[in-house]
Amino acid sequence: MDEKESLSHSKWECKYHVAFIPKCRRRTLYKELRSHLGEVFRRLASQKESRILEGHLMPDHVHMLISIPPKYAVSQVIIYTPKALSTMCIEILN
């Protein structure tokens, strides 16, 4: 927990608790995709140089503890996630 990340000029530890709630809270979606969602969220976070430290898939929403580098605004990572998630879910279902 005390391990800090570093950039060329600073050390940082930025962790955020995020609750992700899809439109209409489609429970059936998570039944079909539950086994894939953990890996999908990790892949999406790594594209923005972030890490998911902890996550919980609930029947109709997701809780994540995510570490985001200070060079990205939290909103950049959070807004990117649902958009890319829907695209990846469609690929998995097809």
Protein backbone atom coordinates (compact mmCIF):
# COMPACT_ATOMS: atom_id res chain seq x y z
CA MET A 1 0.00 0.00 0.00
CA ASP A 2 2.97 2.31 0.58
CA GLU A 3 4.49 1.69 -2.83
CA LYS A 4 4.47 4.88 -4.86
CA GLU A 5 4.76 5.14 -8.61
CA SER A 6 7.21 7.58 -10.14
CA LEU A 7 7.54 9.78 -13.17
CA SER A 8 10.79 11.45 -14.22
CA HIS A 9 10.34 14.31 -11.76
CA SER A 10 7.96 13.09 -9.06
CA LYS A 11 6.57 10.23 -7.00
CA TRP A 12 2.83 9.73 -6.85
CA GLU A 13 0.06 7.61 -5.40
CA CYS A 14 -3.34 8.52 -6.86
CA LYS A 15 -6.11 6.02 -6.17
CA TYR A 16 -9.78 6.55 -6.91
CA HIS A 17 -12.90 4.60 -6.01
CA VAL A 18 -15.22 4.50 -9.02
CA ALA A 19 -18.74 3.08 -9.32
CA PHE A 20 -19.69 2.26 -12.90
CA ILE A 21 -23.46 1.91 -13.49
CA PRO A 22 -24.61 1.03 -17.03
CA LYS A 23 -27.80 2.45 -18.47
CA CYS A 24 -30.91 0.49 -17.53
CA ARG A 25 -28.78 -1.63 -15.15
CA ARG A 26 -29.00 -4.69 -17.38
CA ARG A 27 -28.47 -7.68 -15.12
CA THR A 28 -28.59 -10.13 -18.02
CA LEU A 29 -25.56 -8.46 -19.55
CA TYR A 30 -23.43 -9.30 -16.54
CA LYS A 31 -24.64 -12.89 -16.44
CA GLU A 32 -23.35 -13.46 -19.96
CA LEU A 33 -20.17 -11.40 -19.69
CA ARG A 34 -19.19 -11.73 -16.03
CA SER A 35 -16.27 -14.08 -16.68
CA HIS A 36 -14.81 -11.67 -19.28
CA LEU A 37 -15.35 -8.28 -17.60
CA GLY A 38 -12.39 -8.38 -15.21
CA GLU A 39 -9.90 -8.85 -18.03
CA VAL A 40 -11.68 -6.28 -20.20
CA PHE A 41 -11.51 -3.62 -17.46
CA ARG A 42 -7.80 -4.37 -16.88
CA ARG A 43 -7.06 -4.03 -20.60
CA LEU A 44 -8.94 -0.74 -20.83
CA ALA A 45 -7.12 0.67 -17.80
CA SER A 46 -3.73 -0.30 -19.19
CA GLN A 47 -4.48 1.63 -22.40
CA LYS A 48 -4.56 4.79 -20.24
CA GLU A 49 -1.50 3.67 -18.22
CA SER A 50 -3.75 2.98 -15.22
CA ARG A 51 -4.13 -0.09 -13.01
CA ILE A 52 -7.19 -1.61 -11.41
CA LEU A 53 -6.13 -2.46 -7.88
CA GLU A 54 -9.43 -3.91 -6.73
CA GLY A 55 -12.82 -4.51 -8.29
CA HIS A 56 -16.21 -5.93 -7.44
CA LEU A 57 -18.83 -6.94 -9.99
CA MET A 58 -22.29 -6.51 -8.51
CA PRO A 59 -25.43 -7.72 -10.32
CA ASP A 60 -26.14 -4.27 -11.77
CA HIS A 61 -22.99 -2.16 -11.27
CA VAL A 62 -19.22 -2.30 -10.81
CA HIS A 63 -16.97 -0.91 -8.05
CA MET A 64 -13.30 -0.33 -8.88
CA LEU A 65 -10.27 1.02 -7.06
CA ILE A 66 -8.15 2.40 -9.85
CA SER A 67 -4.69 3.95 -9.83
CA ILE A 68 -4.45 6.75 -12.41
CA PRO A 69 -1.19 8.61 -13.17
CA PRO A 70 -1.32 12.37 -12.58
CA LYS A 71 -0.68 13.10 -16.26
CA TYR A 72 -4.25 11.95 -16.98
CA ALA A 73 -7.33 13.68 -15.65
CA VAL A 74 -9.58 11.24 -13.81
CA SER A 75 -12.41 12.21 -16.15
CA GLN A 76 -10.34 11.19 -19.21
CA VAL A 77 -9.98 7.64 -17.92
CA ILE A 78 -13.51 7.31 -16.54
CA ILE A 79 -15.26 8.67 -19.64
CA TYR A 80 -13.13 6.45 -21.89
CA THR A 81 -14.01 3.24 -20.00
CA PRO A 82 -17.78 2.88 -20.70
CA LYS A 83 -17.39 3.82 -24.36
CA ALA A 84 -14.65 1.26 -24.95
CA LEU A 85 -16.37 -1.31 -22.72
CA SER A 86 -19.51 -1.33 -24.85
CA THR A 87 -17.43 -1.89 -27.99
CA MET A 88 -15.50 -4.78 -26.40
CA CYS A 89 -18.68 -6.38 -25.05
CA ILE A 90 -20.22 -6.41 -28.51
CA GLU A 91 -17.07 -8.13 -29.85
CA ILE A 92 -17.23 -10.77 -27.08
CA LEU A 93 -20.92 -11.51 -27.68
CA ASN A 94 -20.46 -11.93 -31.43
